[in-house]
Amino acid sequence: MDTLPNAGPKSRLGALAKWAQWAIIIIASVLAAVLLHAIHLPAALLIGPLIVGILAGVNNANVRVPTLAFAMSQAAIGCLIASSVSLDIFATLIDEWPLVVVVVASTIAASSLLGWLISRYEVLPGTTGVWGAAPGAATPMVLMAGAFGADQRLVAFMQYLRVIIVTFAAALVARFWVDTSTAAPIEPDWFPALDPVAFGATIVLATTGALLGRLLRFPAPYFLGVFLLAGMAHLGFDVPLQLPEWLLAISYAVIGWTIGLNFTMPILRHGARALPQIVGSILALVAFCGFLAWIITLVLDVDPLTAYLATSPGGMDSIAIIAAASNRVDISFVMALQAARFLVVLLIGPSIARAVARSLR
């Protein structure tokens, strides 16, 4: 995630020492996570810190999650999903490739149209809407938008606001749409005995995968590099992986804080004038992807929550966390469609955005 500048004088949280700011954020995040867990909201350990991060950001907190901590958290989530998927992910991509192509192409086309409309009717200046509406690959879009003359701050605002809305929507769908009355609640073992082989393999794969992701210049290298390497090791060589709940809880919180703290008051003021239109475009894209999910449930033997998470537009690490927290979800199917769209957006998304932007000149 890009760290956006927090312009303006120090006030409120920003007037406190950084250790005091972190103390308040951590304590509030624990309380928020406990409350959300009590009402059975999926991924409460992500949503709670995310909410607290947003509140801290708009109250001028000037602390930011260290890059290394965010990288390690993404690596942990990469290992988590790698340990959860099965070989069915490849069968899904091969057997259902026409559906995968249609879903991915439709999502990119819908986001491009929304971006074009935002820019065409001057809701946002220049070509900002085109770059901000892209369904994923937030960091590359923000960087390329600046090179094309768009307002990077507004592009980042649109991208991260979409991640937040999609994350909340997916969590609420997981909580209220799917009947879990017959499912027995799973109480996590927070401090299990560590298996030296499995935990050691997890650490090695996470570190190696992150380094390879950086070396090969993968997008989201710490998540995608680890996911691919750990997935190959787990599926191809049956390497055991262990991610204790305490480590996952820390990783969820770090990801939530990273997203939330980007929403500072200067950024909100910068995008406040067009906020209704921005939110409307994001909700339209979420609704369209929900329609695609409904189509998938008609065509395939897939439950509604799995289909919805698979088609949710962006925030792949957040969607992965929610999918892992929902014990009735087919994670292989979710990650197959999410990974396919993510890679396509990264490969051709910037070119599409440039082409749409040129059409506005």
Protein backbone atom coordinates (compact mmCIF):
# COMPACT_ATOMS: atom_id res chain seq x y z
CA MET A 1 0.00 0.00 0.00
CA ASP A 2 1.19 3.48 -0.75
CA THR A 3 1.55 5.75 2.26
CA LEU A 4 -0.14 9.03 1.56
CA PRO A 5 1.18 12.27 2.99
CA ASN A 6 -0.56 13.66 6.03
CA ALA A 7 -0.49 17.35 5.35
CA GLY A 8 -1.45 19.90 7.93
CA PRO A 9 -0.38 20.74 11.43
CA LYS A 10 -0.16 18.17 14.17
CA SER A 11 -3.30 18.01 16.26
CA ARG A 12 -5.35 15.51 18.20
CA LEU A 13 -3.56 12.16 17.96
CA GLY A 14 -0.70 13.74 16.05
CA ALA A 15 0.20 15.83 19.08
CA LEU A 16 0.97 12.69 21.09
CA ALA A 17 4.22 10.76 21.08
CA LYS A 18 4.28 7.96 18.53
CA TRP A 19 4.38 5.27 21.20
CA ALA A 20 1.25 6.79 22.76
CA GLN A 21 -0.50 6.86 19.37
CA TRP A 22 0.31 3.19 18.81
CA ALA A 23 -0.85 2.32 22.34
CA ILE A 24 -4.23 3.94 21.68
CA ILE A 25 -4.54 2.30 18.25
CA ILE A 26 -3.63 -1.17 19.55
CA ILE A 27 -5.95 -1.03 22.58
CA ALA A 28 -8.83 0.35 20.51
CA SER A 29 -8.22 -2.31 17.83
CA VAL A 30 -8.38 -5.12 20.38
CA LEU A 31 -11.65 -3.78 21.78
CA ALA A 32 -13.13 -3.31 18.29
CA ALA A 33 -12.09 -6.81 17.21
CA VAL A 34 -13.58 -8.36 20.36
CA LEU A 35 -16.85 -6.49 19.83
CA LEU A 36 -17.11 -7.48 16.16
CA HIS A 37 -16.21 -11.08 17.01
CA ALA A 38 -18.99 -11.10 19.62
CA ILE A 39 -21.55 -10.29 16.90
CA HIS A 40 -20.00 -13.00 14.69
CA LEU A 41 -18.73 -10.70 11.95
CA PRO A 42 -16.25 -12.62 9.75
CA ALA A 43 -12.69 -11.32 9.71
CA ALA A 44 -13.29 -9.26 12.87
CA LEU A 45 -9.52 -9.25 13.43
CA LEU A 46 -9.14 -7.38 10.14
CA ILE A 47 -12.23 -5.16 10.23
CA GLY A 48 -11.66 -3.95 13.82
CA PRO A 49 -8.13 -2.59 13.21
CA LEU A 50 -9.28 -1.24 9.84
CA ILE A 51 -12.00 0.86 11.49
CA VAL A 52 -9.61 2.06 14.19
CA GLY A 53 -6.99 2.89 11.54
CA ILE A 54 -9.49 5.04 9.64
CA LEU A 55 -10.54 6.88 12.81
CA ALA A 56 -6.90 7.42 13.78
CA GLY A 57 -6.01 8.65 10.29
CA VAL A 58 -8.77 11.23 10.13
CA ASN A 59 -7.78 12.41 13.61
CA ASN A 60 -4.31 13.25 12.32
CA ALA A 61 -2.36 10.28 13.67
CA ASN A 62 1.09 10.55 12.08
CA VAL A 63 2.21 6.98 12.67
CA ARG A 64 2.44 4.52 9.81
CA VAL A 65 2.95 0.77 9.65
CA PRO A 66 6.60 -0.01 8.86
CA THR A 67 7.11 -1.43 5.37
CA LEU A 68 8.77 -4.56 6.79
CA ALA A 69 5.81 -5.29 9.07
CA PHE A 70 3.36 -4.92 6.18
CA ALA A 71 5.53 -7.16 3.98
CA MET A 72 5.68 -9.85 6.69
CA SER A 73 1.92 -9.69 7.18
CA GLN A 74 1.26 -10.12 3.47
CA ALA A 75 3.68 -13.06 3.44
CA ALA A 76 1.77 -14.67 6.32
CA ILE A 77 -1.52 -14.32 4.45
CA GLY A 78 0.14 -15.77 1.35
CA CYS A 79 1.13 -18.85 3.38
CA LEU A 80 -2.34 -19.08 4.90
CA ILE A 81 -4.06 -19.18 1.53
CA ALA A 82 -1.43 -21.53 0.08
CA SER A 83 -2.12 -23.96 2.93
CA SER A 84 -5.87 -23.70 2.33
CA VAL A 85 -6.10 -24.19 -1.44
CA SER A 86 -6.15 -27.51 -3.19
CA LEU A 87 -5.30 -28.72 -6.67
CA ASP A 88 -8.89 -27.85 -7.53
CA ILE A 89 -7.73 -24.30 -8.23
CA PHE A 90 -6.07 -25.51 -11.44
CA ALA A 91 -9.04 -27.69 -12.33
CA THR A 92 -11.29 -24.66 -11.88
CA LEU A 93 -9.18 -22.49 -14.17
CA ILE A 94 -8.99 -25.23 -16.83
CA ASP A 95 -12.54 -26.58 -16.68
CA GLU A 96 -14.28 -23.24 -16.26
CA TRP A 97 -11.97 -21.02 -18.28
CA PRO A 98 -14.79 -19.53 -20.42
CA LEU A 99 -16.60 -18.40 -17.27
CA VAL A 100 -13.38 -17.08 -15.74
CA VAL A 101 -12.67 -15.07 -18.91
CA VAL A 102 -16.21 -13.65 -18.99
CA VAL A 103 -16.14 -12.66 -15.29
CA VAL A 104 -12.70 -11.07 -15.50
CA ALA A 105 -13.41 -9.26 -18.78
CA SER A 106 -16.81 -8.05 -17.57
CA THR A 107 -15.38 -6.64 -14.34
CA ILE A 108 -12.60 -4.79 -16.15
CA ALA A 109 -15.04 -3.48 -18.78
CA ALA A 110 -17.49 -2.27 -16.13
CA SER A 111 -14.77 -0.51 -14.11
CA SER A 112 -13.38 1.11 -17.27
CA LEU A 113 -16.84 2.38 -18.22
CA LEU A 114 -17.39 3.83 -14.75
CA GLY A 115 -13.99 5.50 -14.86
CA TRP A 116 -14.70 6.94 -18.29
CA LEU A 117 -18.07 8.32 -17.15
CA ILE A 118 -16.49 9.93 -14.06
CA SER A 119 -13.89 11.65 -16.20
CA ARG A 120 -16.19 12.37 -19.16
CA TYR A 121 -18.67 14.28 -17.01
CA GLU A 122 -15.87 15.95 -15.03
CA VAL A 123 -16.85 14.50 -11.67
CA LEU A 124 -13.11 14.37 -11.03
CA PRO A 125 -10.46 16.41 -12.82
CA GLY A 126 -8.72 15.08 -15.92
CA THR A 127 -8.33 11.32 -16.16
CA THR A 128 -8.36 10.66 -12.41
CA GLY A 129 -11.56 8.60 -12.54
CA VAL A 130 -10.12 6.22 -15.13
CA TRP A 131 -7.18 5.24 -12.95
CA GLY A 132 -9.12 5.28 -9.70
CA ALA A 133 -11.83 2.93 -10.96
CA ALA A 134 -9.45 0.11 -11.93
CA PRO A 135 -10.51 -3.05 -9.99
CA GLY A 136 -7.22 -3.85 -8.29
CA ALA A 137 -3.49 -3.20 -8.60
CA ALA A 138 -3.80 -0.02 -6.54
CA THR A 139 -0.11 0.82 -6.28
CA PRO A 140 0.72 0.55 -10.02
CA MET A 141 -2.40 2.54 -10.88
CA VAL A 142 -1.50 5.33 -8.46
CA LEU A 143 2.06 5.55 -9.81
CA MET A 144 1.05 5.46 -13.47
CA ALA A 145 -1.75 7.96 -12.91
CA GLY A 146 0.77 10.61 -11.89
CA ALA A 147 2.83 9.98 -15.01
CA PHE A 148 -0.32 10.52 -17.09
CA GLY A 149 -1.21 13.81 -15.43
CA ALA A 150 -3.98 12.55 -13.12
CA ASP A 151 -4.29 13.58 -9.48
CA GLN A 152 -2.49 10.81 -7.57
CA ARG A 153 -4.10 11.74 -4.26
CA LEU A 154 -7.60 11.30 -5.64
CA VAL A 155 -6.63 8.10 -7.46
CA ALA A 156 -5.27 6.68 -4.20
CA PHE A 157 -8.40 7.87 -2.39
CA MET A 158 -10.64 6.02 -4.87
CA GLN A 159 -8.53 2.87 -4.82
CA TYR A 160 -8.31 2.56 -1.03
CA LEU A 161 -11.92 3.59 -0.49
CA ARG A 162 -12.96 0.79 -2.83
CA VAL A 163 -10.86 -1.69 -0.84
CA ILE A 164 -12.59 -0.61 2.36
CA ILE A 165 -16.12 -0.75 0.89
CA VAL A 166 -15.49 -4.12 -0.74
CA THR A 167 -14.03 -5.52 2.48
CA PHE A 168 -16.98 -4.35 4.58
CA ALA A 169 -19.49 -5.55 1.98
CA ALA A 170 -17.89 -9.00 1.80
CA ALA A 171 -17.82 -9.30 5.59
CA LEU A 172 -21.49 -8.30 5.87
CA VAL A 173 -22.49 -10.72 3.11
CA ALA A 174 -20.61 -13.48 4.91
CA ARG A 175 -22.42 -12.58 8.13
CA PHE A 176 -26.00 -12.03 6.96
CA TRP A 177 -26.51 -13.58 3.51
CA VAL A 178 -25.41 -17.15 4.21
CA ASP A 179 -27.28 -19.37 6.64
CA THR A 180 -24.74 -20.59 9.19
CA SER A 181 -27.24 -21.63 11.85
CA THR A 182 -26.31 -25.27 11.48
CA ALA A 183 -22.57 -24.63 11.50
CA ALA A 184 -20.79 -25.23 14.77
CA PRO A 185 -18.69 -22.22 15.85
CA ILE A 186 -14.95 -22.78 15.63
CA GLU A 187 -12.99 -21.44 18.58
CA PRO A 188 -9.37 -20.88 17.58
CA ASP A 189 -6.44 -22.22 19.55
CA TRP A 190 -4.53 -18.97 20.04
CA PHE A 191 -1.27 -20.45 21.29
CA PRO A 192 -0.84 -23.97 19.86
CA ALA A 193 2.31 -25.99 20.30
CA LEU A 194 4.64 -25.09 17.45
CA ASP A 195 5.66 -27.89 15.11
CA PRO A 196 9.36 -27.22 14.40
CA VAL A 197 9.14 -28.71 10.89
CA ALA A 198 5.88 -27.08 9.78
CA PHE A 199 6.51 -23.71 11.44
CA GLY A 200 10.12 -23.68 10.22
CA ALA A 201 9.01 -24.49 6.68
CA THR A 202 6.47 -21.67 6.87
CA ILE A 203 9.11 -19.14 7.90
CA VAL A 204 11.53 -20.30 5.17
CA LEU A 205 8.88 -20.27 2.44
CA ALA A 206 7.53 -16.89 3.54
CA THR A 207 10.99 -15.31 3.54
CA THR A 208 12.12 -16.95 0.30
CA GLY A 209 8.85 -16.25 -1.49
CA ALA A 210 8.93 -12.58 -0.49
CA LEU A 211 12.49 -12.21 -1.72
CA LEU A 212 11.71 -13.98 -4.99
CA GLY A 213 8.63 -11.82 -5.45
CA ARG A 214 10.79 -8.72 -5.11
CA LEU A 215 13.55 -10.11 -7.32
CA LEU A 216 11.10 -11.07 -10.08
CA ARG A 217 9.27 -7.75 -9.65
CA PHE A 218 5.93 -9.37 -9.00
CA PRO A 219 3.03 -7.03 -8.28
CA ALA A 220 2.16 -7.35 -4.57
CA PRO A 221 5.42 -9.36 -4.31
CA TYR A 222 5.12 -10.27 -0.64
CA PHE A 223 1.68 -11.78 -1.07
CA LEU A 224 1.84 -13.21 -4.58
CA GLY A 225 5.45 -14.45 -4.41
CA VAL A 226 4.83 -16.28 -1.13
CA PHE A 227 1.46 -17.60 -2.28
CA LEU A 228 2.97 -19.13 -5.44
CA LEU A 229 6.07 -20.60 -3.77
CA ALA A 230 4.28 -21.91 -0.68
CA GLY A 231 1.45 -23.23 -2.85
CA MET A 232 3.87 -25.19 -5.03
CA ALA A 233 5.66 -26.57 -1.97
CA HIS A 234 2.43 -27.50 -0.21
CA LEU A 235 0.57 -28.94 -3.21
CA GLY A 236 3.51 -30.39 -5.13
CA PHE A 237 5.68 -31.73 -2.30
CA ASP A 238 3.20 -31.97 0.57
CA VAL A 239 5.27 -29.57 2.69
CA PRO A 240 3.38 -28.91 5.96
CA LEU A 241 2.64 -25.32 6.93
CA GLN A 242 1.71 -23.92 10.34
CA LEU A 243 0.36 -20.44 11.03
CA PRO A 244 -0.62 -20.01 14.69
CA GLU A 245 -3.64 -17.85 15.39
CA TRP A 246 -1.61 -15.23 17.26
CA LEU A 247 0.55 -14.68 14.17
CA LEU A 248 -2.49 -14.41 11.90
CA ALA A 249 -4.15 -11.96 14.30
CA ILE A 250 -1.10 -9.69 14.17
CA SER A 251 -0.99 -9.96 10.37
CA TYR A 252 -4.68 -9.09 10.02
CA ALA A 253 -4.26 -6.07 12.28
CA VAL A 254 -1.21 -4.79 10.39
CA ILE A 255 -3.05 -5.01 7.06
CA GLY A 256 -6.09 -3.25 8.54
CA TRP A 257 -3.95 -0.45 9.99
CA THR A 258 -2.04 -0.02 6.73
CA ILE A 259 -5.24 0.52 4.78
CA GLY A 260 -7.01 2.60 7.41
CA LEU A 261 -4.19 5.00 8.26
CA ASN A 262 -4.05 6.14 4.63
CA PHE A 263 -7.33 7.98 5.19
CA THR A 264 -6.14 11.27 6.61
CA MET A 265 -8.26 14.40 6.95
CA PRO A 266 -6.42 16.24 4.13
CA ILE A 267 -7.16 13.32 1.79
CA LEU A 268 -10.82 13.30 2.80
CA ARG A 269 -11.07 17.06 2.25
CA HIS A 270 -9.41 16.63 -1.13
CA GLY A 271 -12.03 14.13 -2.25
CA ALA A 272 -15.05 15.39 -0.28
CA ARG A 273 -16.58 17.35 -3.16
CA ALA A 274 -16.87 14.26 -5.33
CA LEU A 275 -17.41 11.77 -2.49
CA PRO A 276 -21.04 10.89 -3.37
CA GLN A 277 -20.14 10.19 -6.99
CA ILE A 278 -17.05 8.19 -6.00
CA VAL A 279 -18.99 6.09 -3.51
CA GLY A 280 -21.79 5.66 -6.05
CA SER A 281 -19.37 4.38 -8.70
CA ILE A 282 -17.82 1.94 -6.22
CA LEU A 283 -21.22 0.66 -5.11
CA ALA A 284 -22.25 0.27 -8.75
CA LEU A 285 -19.16 -1.85 -9.41
CA VAL A 286 -19.79 -3.92 -6.27
CA ALA A 287 -23.42 -4.46 -7.35
CA PHE A 288 -22.34 -5.46 -10.85
CA CYS A 289 -19.91 -7.99 -9.41
CA GLY A 290 -22.72 -9.26 -7.18
CA PHE A 291 -24.77 -9.80 -10.34
CA LEU A 292 -21.88 -11.79 -11.80
CA ALA A 293 -21.81 -13.85 -8.60
CA TRP A 294 -25.51 -14.60 -9.03
CA ILE A 295 -24.88 -15.77 -12.60
CA ILE A 296 -22.11 -18.06 -11.33
CA THR A 297 -24.46 -19.68 -8.81
CA LEU A 298 -26.88 -20.44 -11.66
CA VAL A 299 -24.23 -21.91 -13.95
CA LEU A 300 -22.07 -23.78 -11.43
CA ASP A 301 -22.65 -25.72 -8.24
CA VAL A 302 -21.18 -22.92 -6.12
CA ASP A 303 -22.64 -21.43 -2.97
CA PRO A 304 -23.53 -17.69 -3.00
CA LEU A 305 -20.82 -16.60 -0.57
CA THR A 306 -18.07 -18.36 -2.54
CA ALA A 307 -19.32 -16.76 -5.76
CA TYR A 308 -19.57 -13.32 -4.17
CA LEU A 309 -16.07 -13.41 -2.69
CA ALA A 310 -14.67 -14.72 -5.98
CA THR A 311 -16.07 -11.78 -7.94
CA SER A 312 -15.50 -8.98 -5.36
CA PRO A 313 -13.54 -6.20 -7.10
CA GLY A 314 -10.19 -5.74 -5.46
CA GLY A 315 -8.55 -6.08 -2.08
CA MET A 316 -7.35 -9.62 -2.77
CA ASP A 317 -5.57 -9.99 0.58
CA SER A 318 -8.67 -8.76 2.45
CA ILE A 319 -10.94 -11.10 0.49
CA ALA A 320 -8.51 -13.95 1.21
CA ILE A 321 -8.76 -13.26 4.94
CA ILE A 322 -12.57 -13.23 4.86
CA ALA A 323 -12.65 -16.43 2.78
CA ALA A 324 -10.31 -18.16 5.22
CA ALA A 325 -12.48 -17.07 8.15
CA SER A 326 -15.63 -18.50 6.56
CA ASN A 327 -15.52 -22.27 6.92
CA ARG A 328 -18.15 -22.84 4.21
CA VAL A 329 -16.24 -21.13 1.41
CA ASP A 330 -14.47 -22.90 -1.46
CA ILE A 331 -11.15 -21.06 -1.12
CA SER A 332 -9.72 -22.66 -4.25
CA PHE A 333 -12.53 -21.23 -6.38
CA VAL A 334 -12.32 -17.81 -4.73
CA MET A 335 -8.58 -17.55 -5.23
CA ALA A 336 -8.73 -18.89 -8.78
CA LEU A 337 -10.97 -16.05 -9.92
CA GLN A 338 -9.33 -13.41 -7.72
CA ALA A 339 -5.83 -14.34 -8.90
CA ALA A 340 -6.91 -14.47 -12.54
CA ARG A 341 -8.46 -10.99 -12.41
CA PHE A 342 -5.56 -9.62 -10.40
CA LEU A 343 -3.01 -10.80 -12.95
CA VAL A 344 -5.05 -9.61 -15.93
CA VAL A 345 -5.51 -6.16 -14.35
CA LEU A 346 -1.78 -5.94 -13.74
CA LEU A 347 -0.90 -7.06 -17.27
CA ILE A 348 -3.39 -5.06 -19.32
CA GLY A 349 -5.09 -2.73 -16.81
CA PRO A 350 -2.60 0.14 -17.23
CA SER A 351 -2.85 -0.16 -21.02
CA ILE A 352 -6.65 -0.07 -20.87
CA ALA A 353 -6.55 2.92 -18.52
CA ARG A 354 -4.15 4.74 -20.84
CA ALA A 355 -6.35 3.99 -23.85
CA VAL A 356 -9.50 5.20 -22.07
CA ALA A 357 -7.64 8.28 -20.84
CA ARG A 358 -6.48 9.11 -24.38
CA SER A 359 -10.09 8.88 -25.62
CA LEU A 360 -10.95 11.75 -23.29
CA ARG A 361 -8.39 14.10 -24.76
